[in-house]
C-alpha atoms as a PDB file:
ATOM      1  CA  UNK A   1       0.000   0.000   0.000  1.00  0.00           C
ATOM      2  CA  UNK A   2       2.802   2.401   0.902  1.00  0.00           C
ATOM      3  CA  UNK A   3       4.521   1.697  -2.421  1.00  0.00           C
ATOM      4  CA  UNK A   4       1.339   2.541  -4.295  1.00  0.00           C
ATOM      5  CA  UNK A   5       1.012   5.832  -2.422  1.00  0.00           C
ATOM      6  CA  UNK A   6       4.655   6.663  -3.117  1.00  0.00           C
ATOM      7  CA  UNK A   7       4.246   5.967  -6.842  1.00  0.00           C
ATOM      8  CA  UNK A   8       1.051   8.049  -6.958  1.00  0.00           C
ATOM      9  CA  UNK A   9       2.870  10.910  -5.252  1.00  0.00           C
ATOM     10  CA  UNK A  10       5.740  10.667  -7.744  1.00  0.00           C
ATOM     11  CA  UNK A  11       3.372  10.608 -10.713  1.00  0.00           C
ATOM     12  CA  UNK A  12       1.415  13.547  -9.278  1.00  0.00           C
ATOM     13  CA  UNK A  13       4.626  15.514  -8.690  1.00  0.00           C
ATOM     14  CA  UNK A  14       5.918  14.875 -12.202  1.00  0.00           C
ATOM     15  CA  UNK A  15       2.556  15.907 -13.607  1.00  0.00           C
ATOM     16  CA  UNK A  16       2.601  19.187 -11.677  1.00  0.00           C
ATOM     17  CA  UNK A  17       6.127  19.998 -12.847  1.00  0.00           C
ATOM     18  CA  UNK A  18       5.183  19.246 -16.467  1.00  0.00           C
ATOM     19  CA  UNK A  19       2.094  21.427 -16.194  1.00  0.00           C
ATOM     20  CA  UNK A  20       4.085  24.314 -14.711  1.00  0.00           C
ATOM     21  CA  UNK A  21       6.689  24.015 -17.466  1.00  0.00           C
ATOM     22  CA  UNK A  22       3.962  24.070 -20.133  1.00  0.00           C
ATOM     23  CA  UNK A  23       2.539  27.259 -18.615  1.00  0.00           C
ATOM     24  CA  UNK A  24       5.987  28.901 -18.589  1.00  0.00           C
ATOM     25  CA  UNK A  25       6.544  27.993 -22.250  1.00  0.00           C
ATOM     26  CA  UNK A  26       3.211  29.555 -23.169  1.00  0.00           C
ATOM     27  CA  UNK A  27       4.017  32.711 -21.194  1.00  0.00           C
ATOM     28  CA  UNK A  28       7.644  33.171 -22.117  1.00  0.00           C
ATOM     29  CA  UNK A  29       7.906  31.323 -25.416  1.00  0.00           C
ATOM     30  CA  UNK A  30      10.918  29.606 -26.963  1.00  0.00           C
ATOM     31  CA  UNK A  31      13.401  31.810 -25.066  1.00  0.00           C
ATOM     32  CA  UNK A  32      12.787  29.602 -22.029  1.00  0.00           C
ATOM     33  CA  UNK A  33      14.262  26.711 -23.988  1.00  0.00           C
ATOM     34  CA  UNK A  34      17.491  28.587 -24.738  1.00  0.00           C
ATOM     35  CA  UNK A  35      18.804  31.011 -27.363  1.00  0.00           C
ATOM     36  CA  UNK A  36      17.210  30.952 -30.793  1.00  0.00           C
ATOM     37  CA  UNK A  37      19.422  31.361 -33.870  1.00  0.00           C
ATOM     38  CA  UNK A  38      18.063  32.693 -37.173  1.00  0.00           C
ATOM     39  CA  UNK A  39      20.108  32.929 -40.398  1.00  0.00           C
ATOM     40  CA  UNK A  40      19.142  34.401 -43.753  1.00  0.00           C
ATOM     41  CA  UNK A  41      20.554  36.136 -46.827  1.00  0.00           C
ATOM     42  CA  UNK A  42      19.854  39.775 -47.555  1.00  0.00           C
ATOM     43  CA  UNK A  43      20.660  42.191 -50.377  1.00  0.00           C
ATOM     44  CA  UNK A  44      22.364  45.460 -49.423  1.00  0.00           C
ATOM     45  CA  UNK A  45      22.443  48.037 -52.217  1.00  0.00           C
ATOM     46  CA  UNK A  46      25.749  49.864 -52.455  1.00  0.00           C
ATOM     47  CA  UNK A  47      26.333  53.547 -53.198  1.00  0.00           C
ATOM     48  CA  UNK A  48      27.374  52.668 -56.774  1.00  0.00           C
ATOM     49  CA  UNK A  49      24.108  50.805 -57.371  1.00  0.00           C
ATOM     50  CA  UNK A  50      25.561  47.304 -57.111  1.00  0.00           C
ATOM     51  CA  UNK A  51      24.093  44.653 -54.824  1.00  0.00           C
ATOM     52  CA  UNK A  52      26.041  43.063 -51.985  1.00  0.00           C
ATOM     53  CA  UNK A  53      24.615  39.759 -50.710  1.00  0.00           C
ATOM     54  CA  UNK A  54      24.935  39.476 -46.947  1.00  0.00           C
ATOM     55  CA  UNK A  55      24.557  36.448 -44.713  1.00  0.00           C
ATOM     56  CA  UNK A  56      23.021  37.594 -41.454  1.00  0.00           C
ATOM     57  CA  UNK A  57      22.728  35.570 -38.275  1.00  0.00           C
ATOM     58  CA  UNK A  58      21.040  36.733 -35.092  1.00  0.00           C
ATOM     59  CA  UNK A  59      20.864  34.987 -31.745  1.00  0.00           C
ATOM     60  CA  UNK A  60      17.771  35.861 -29.745  1.00  0.00           C
ATOM     61  CA  UNK A  61      17.986  35.609 -25.985  1.00  0.00           C
ATOM     62  CA  UNK A  62      17.668  37.485 -22.723  1.00  0.00           C
ATOM     63  CA  UNK A  63      14.908  39.033 -20.681  1.00  0.00           C
ATOM     64  CA  UNK A  64      11.835  40.445 -22.371  1.00  0.00           C
ATOM     65  CA  UNK A  65       8.202  41.197 -21.683  1.00  0.00           C
ATOM     66  CA  UNK A  66       5.475  38.618 -22.159  1.00  0.00           C
ATOM     67  CA  UNK A  67       4.222  38.655 -25.758  1.00  0.00           C
ATOM     68  CA  UNK A  68       7.402  40.189 -27.154  1.00  0.00           C
ATOM     69  CA  UNK A  69      10.289  38.449 -28.898  1.00  0.00           C
ATOM     70  CA  UNK A  70      13.605  38.220 -27.089  1.00  0.00           C
ATOM     71  CA  UNK A  71      16.215  40.887 -27.879  1.00  0.00           C
ATOM     72  CA  UNK A  72      19.140  40.254 -30.213  1.00  0.00           C
ATOM     73  CA  UNK A  73      21.888  38.941 -27.942  1.00  0.00           C
ATOM     74  CA  UNK A  74      24.455  38.519 -30.737  1.00  0.00           C
ATOM     75  CA  UNK A  75      24.648  39.205 -34.455  1.00  0.00           C
ATOM     76  CA  UNK A  76      26.976  38.376 -37.326  1.00  0.00           C
ATOM     77  CA  UNK A  77      27.029  39.804 -40.848  1.00  0.00           C
ATOM     78  CA  UNK A  78      29.325  38.310 -43.478  1.00  0.00           C
ATOM     79  CA  UNK A  79      29.814  38.664 -47.219  1.00  0.00           C
ATOM     80  CA  UNK A  80      32.315  37.957 -49.974  1.00  0.00           C
ATOM     81  CA  UNK A  81      34.141  41.175 -50.823  1.00  0.00           C
ATOM     82  CA  UNK A  82      33.533  41.938 -54.543  1.00  0.00           C
ATOM     83  CA  UNK A  83      37.104  43.253 -55.043  1.00  0.00           C
ATOM     84  CA  UNK A  84      39.240  40.909 -52.957  1.00  0.00           C
ATOM     85  CA  UNK A  85      37.115  37.746 -53.007  1.00  0.00           C
ATOM     86  CA  UNK A  86      37.730  37.389 -49.262  1.00  0.00           C
ATOM     87  CA  UNK A  87      35.012  36.931 -46.685  1.00  0.00           C
ATOM     88  CA  UNK A  88      34.421  39.996 -44.531  1.00  0.00           C
ATOM     89  CA  UNK A  89      32.732  39.414 -41.180  1.00  0.00           C
ATOM     90  CA  UNK A  90      31.207  41.864 -38.735  1.00  0.00           C
ATOM     91  CA  UNK A  91      30.301  40.688 -35.226  1.00  0.00           C
ATOM     92  CA  UNK A  92      28.266  42.587 -32.684  1.00  0.00           C
ATOM     93  CA  UNK A  93      30.165  43.534 -29.497  1.00  0.00           C
ATOM     94  CA  UNK A  94      30.655  40.616 -27.110  1.00  0.00           C
ATOM     95  CA  UNK A  95      30.022  42.923 -24.143  1.00  0.00           C
ATOM     96  CA  UNK A  96      26.301  42.592 -23.243  1.00  0.00           C
ATOM     97  CA  UNK A  97      26.371  46.231 -22.074  1.00  0.00           C
ATOM     98  CA  UNK A  98      27.288  47.400 -25.579  1.00  0.00           C
ATOM     99  CA  UNK A  99      24.341  46.249 -27.750  1.00  0.00           C
ATOM    100  CA  UNK A 100      24.135  47.879 -31.186  1.00  0.00           C
ATOM    101  CA  UNK A 101      21.889  47.667 -34.238  1.00  0.00           C
ATOM    102  CA  UNK A 102      23.460  47.824 -37.738  1.00  0.00           C
ATOM    103  CA  UNK A 103      21.895  50.360 -40.105  1.00  0.00           C
ATOM    104  CA  UNK A 104      24.053  49.971 -43.189  1.00  0.00           C
ATOM    105  CA  UNK A 105      26.849  47.903 -44.721  1.00  0.00           C
ATOM    106  CA  UNK A 106      28.997  49.468 -47.418  1.00  0.00           C
ATOM    107  CA  UNK A 107      32.142  48.186 -49.131  1.00  0.00           C
ATOM    108  CA  UNK A 108      35.060  50.535 -48.535  1.00  0.00           C
ATOM    109  CA  UNK A 109      38.231  49.777 -50.482  1.00  0.00           C
ATOM    110  CA  UNK A 110      39.401  46.325 -49.411  1.00  0.00           C
ATOM    111  CA  UNK A 111      37.359  46.565 -46.227  1.00  0.00           C
ATOM    112  CA  UNK A 112      33.882  47.649 -45.234  1.00  0.00           C
ATOM    113  CA  UNK A 113      31.897  50.160 -43.237  1.00  0.00           C
ATOM    114  CA  UNK A 114      29.134  49.146 -40.850  1.00  0.00           C
ATOM    115  CA  UNK A 115      27.157  51.975 -39.274  1.00  0.00           C
ATOM    116  CA  UNK A 116      25.638  50.950 -35.950  1.00  0.00           C
ATOM    117  CA  UNK A 117      23.246  52.561 -33.502  1.00  0.00           C
ATOM    118  CA  UNK A 118      23.901  51.931 -29.772  1.00  0.00           C
ATOM    119  CA  UNK A 119      20.665  50.318 -28.627  1.00  0.00           C
ATOM    120  CA  UNK A 120      20.492  51.414 -24.988  1.00  0.00           C
ATOM    121  CA  UNK A 121      21.305  54.457 -22.889  1.00  0.00           C
ATOM    122  CA  UNK A 122      24.097  52.463 -21.243  1.00  0.00           C
ATOM    123  CA  UNK A 123      25.662  51.533 -24.588  1.00  0.00           C
ATOM    124  CA  UNK A 124      25.346  55.122 -25.829  1.00  0.00           C
ATOM    125  CA  UNK A 125      27.189  56.292 -22.728  1.00  0.00           C
ATOM    126  CA  UNK A 126      29.913  53.673 -23.181  1.00  0.00           C
ATOM    127  CA  UNK A 127      30.417  54.901 -26.752  1.00  0.00           C
ATOM    128  CA  UNK A 128      30.736  58.462 -25.455  1.00  0.00           C
ATOM    129  CA  UNK A 129      27.178  59.640 -26.227  1.00  0.00           C
ATOM    130  CA  UNK A 130      27.958  60.241 -29.921  1.00  0.00           C
ATOM    131  CA  UNK A 131      26.097  62.902 -31.853  1.00  0.00           C
ATOM    132  CA  UNK A 132      24.751  61.938 -34.319  1.00  0.00           C
ATOM    133  CA  UNK A 133      23.912  58.796 -32.319  1.00  0.00           C
ATOM    134  CA  UNK A 134      25.758  56.340 -34.568  1.00  0.00           C
ATOM    135  CA  UNK A 135      29.163  54.686 -34.605  1.00  0.00           C
ATOM    136  CA  UNK A 136      30.951  54.054 -37.900  1.00  0.00           C
ATOM    137  CA  UNK A 137      32.813  50.767 -37.606  1.00  0.00           C
ATOM    138  CA  UNK A 138      35.618  50.552 -40.153  1.00  0.00           C
ATOM    139  CA  UNK A 139      36.546  46.907 -40.831  1.00  0.00           C
ATOM    140  CA  UNK A 140      39.948  46.060 -42.259  1.00  0.00           C
ATOM    141  CA  UNK A 141      40.795  42.378 -41.967  1.00  0.00           C
ATOM    142  CA  UNK A 142      40.279  41.412 -38.329  1.00  0.00           C
ATOM    143  CA  UNK A 143      40.660  44.998 -37.094  1.00  0.00           C
ATOM    144  CA  UNK A 144      37.639  47.161 -36.309  1.00  0.00           C
ATOM    145  CA  UNK A 145      38.072  50.894 -35.821  1.00  0.00           C
ATOM    146  CA  UNK A 146      35.241  52.851 -34.203  1.00  0.00           C
ATOM    147  CA  UNK A 147      34.861  56.256 -35.834  1.00  0.00           C
ATOM    148  CA  UNK A 148      32.451  59.192 -35.797  1.00  0.00           C
ATOM    149  CA  UNK A 149      29.385  58.918 -38.039  1.00  0.00           C
ATOM    150  CA  UNK A 150      30.473  62.246 -39.509  1.00  0.00           C
ATOM    151  CA  UNK A 151      33.285  60.373 -41.278  1.00  0.00           C
ATOM    152  CA  UNK A 152      30.723  58.602 -43.464  1.00  0.00           C
ATOM    153  CA  UNK A 153      30.492  60.433 -46.839  1.00  0.00           C
ATOM    154  CA  UNK A 154      27.085  61.776 -47.832  1.00  0.00           C
ATOM    155  CA  UNK A 155      26.676  59.340 -50.729  1.00  0.00           C
ATOM    156  CA  UNK A 156      26.687  56.393 -48.306  1.00  0.00           C
ATOM    157  CA  UNK A 157      24.158  57.760 -45.838  1.00  0.00           C
ATOM    158  CA  UNK A 158      21.145  55.556 -46.447  1.00  0.00           C
ATOM    159  CA  UNK A 159      19.762  52.527 -44.669  1.00  0.00           C
ATOM    160  CA  UNK A 160      20.428  49.379 -46.694  1.00  0.00           C
ATOM    161  CA  UNK A 161      19.818  46.544 -44.210  1.00  0.00           C
ATOM    162  CA  UNK A 162      16.823  45.470 -42.137  1.00  0.00           C
ATOM    163  CA  UNK A 163      17.085  47.573 -38.993  1.00  0.00           C
ATOM    164  CA  UNK A 164      15.008  45.572 -36.500  1.00  0.00           C
ATOM    165  CA  UNK A 165      14.924  41.919 -37.601  1.00  0.00           C
ATOM    166  CA  UNK A 166      13.829  40.696 -34.175  1.00  0.00           C
ATOM    167  CA  UNK A 167      10.261  42.047 -34.272  1.00  0.00           C
ATOM    168  CA  UNK A 168       7.729  39.248 -34.713  1.00  0.00           C
ATOM    169  CA  UNK A 169       6.269  40.331 -38.035  1.00  0.00           C
ATOM    170  CA  UNK A 170       9.699  40.893 -39.568  1.00  0.00           C
ATOM    171  CA  UNK A 171      11.056  37.653 -38.130  1.00  0.00           C
ATOM    172  CA  UNK A 172       8.137  35.711 -39.591  1.00  0.00           C
ATOM    173  CA  UNK A 173       8.788  37.315 -42.997  1.00  0.00           C
ATOM    174  CA  UNK A 174      12.482  36.464 -42.815  1.00  0.00           C
ATOM    175  CA  UNK A 175      11.765  32.838 -41.951  1.00  0.00           C
ATOM    176  CA  UNK A 176       9.328  32.600 -44.829  1.00  0.00           C
ATOM    177  CA  UNK A 177      11.474  34.260 -47.490  1.00  0.00           C
ATOM    178  CA  UNK A 178      15.001  33.226 -46.315  1.00  0.00           C
ATOM    179  CA  UNK A 179      16.386  35.469 -49.118  1.00  0.00           C
ATOM    180  CA  UNK A 180      15.476  39.131 -48.721  1.00  0.00           C
ATOM    181  CA  UNK A 181      15.754  41.333 -51.813  1.00  0.00           C
ATOM    182  CA  UNK A 182      16.659  44.995 -51.375  1.00  0.00           C
ATOM    183  CA  UNK A 183      13.158  45.991 -52.468  1.00  0.00           C
ATOM    184  CA  UNK A 184      11.827  43.902 -49.590  1.00  0.00           C
ATOM    185  CA  UNK A 185      14.430  45.426 -47.243  1.00  0.00           C
ATOM    186  CA  UNK A 186      13.047  48.885 -48.067  1.00  0.00           C
ATOM    187  CA  UNK A 187       9.472  47.693 -47.675  1.00  0.00           C
ATOM    188  CA  UNK A 188      10.184  46.219 -44.240  1.00  0.00           C
ATOM    189  CA  UNK A 189      12.146  49.256 -43.071  1.00  0.00           C
ATOM    190  CA  UNK A 190       9.440  51.667 -44.209  1.00  0.00           C
ATOM    191  CA  UNK A 191       7.153  50.145 -41.587  1.00  0.00           C
ATOM    192  CA  UNK A 192       9.600  50.332 -38.666  1.00  0.00           C
ATOM    193  CA  UNK A 193      11.861  53.301 -39.339  1.00  0.00           C
ATOM    194  CA  UNK A 194      11.776  56.642 -41.089  1.00  0.00           C
ATOM    195  CA  UNK A 195      15.034  55.733 -42.859  1.00  0.00           C
ATOM    196  CA  UNK A 196      16.846  58.048 -40.469  1.00  0.00           C
ATOM    197  CA  UNK A 197      20.043  58.086 -42.499  1.00  0.00           C
ATOM    198  CA  UNK A 198      18.230  59.502 -45.512  1.00  0.00           C
ATOM    199  CA  UNK A 199      17.374  62.659 -43.577  1.00  0.00           C
ATOM    200  CA  UNK A 200      20.125  62.647 -40.970  1.00  0.00           C
ATOM    201  CA  UNK A 201      20.741  66.229 -39.921  1.00  0.00           C
ATOM    202  CA  UNK A 202      24.075  66.847 -38.225  1.00  0.00           C
ATOM    203  CA  UNK A 203      23.355  70.520 -37.482  1.00  0.00           C
ATOM    204  CA  UNK A 204      21.679  69.772 -34.143  1.00  0.00           C
ATOM    205  CA  UNK A 205      24.979  68.364 -32.873  1.00  0.00           C
ATOM    206  CA  UNK A 206      26.839  71.668 -33.051  1.00  0.00           C
END
């Protein structure tokens, strides 16, 4: 009799744990099960009109509100350089206090420029509260040089990548398409940003 009661208690306990876990999954989604990695290809139009095909990978993870997708914990953008034939790779900062969002990718000589926007007040402060609020990351080989956004020539100042790929609607579109044309990049961005680089006014910084 005691054995039966013990087994019933074990079964009941396991059932309660399973039920609680199911509730947590419903409330907090896949992030409870660990980081989620999404990879896709995306066209980035260059200043000369050519198309650069990027491979983008984002890792979603970290705290977030119920009903929202997890923030981008890490991101990688890579492409084959049209002049050198070498693969150029940009990685988001490894410091979790320095999150950034890429706004454009442009080939620059044998390297590349990636313009990023510090995502939080803390990251803006760590970058020195730049004005305009962007950092121009100059990539040459494995070296990355952080420069003022003012160093980016006018002809390059336009958004050419998806700015917020983590939002649910955009993420669903990315998963469906897997290859995002530049026309689709512009369509997606038009719904989530005013293409800030198209109208970026530096005068307020002086």
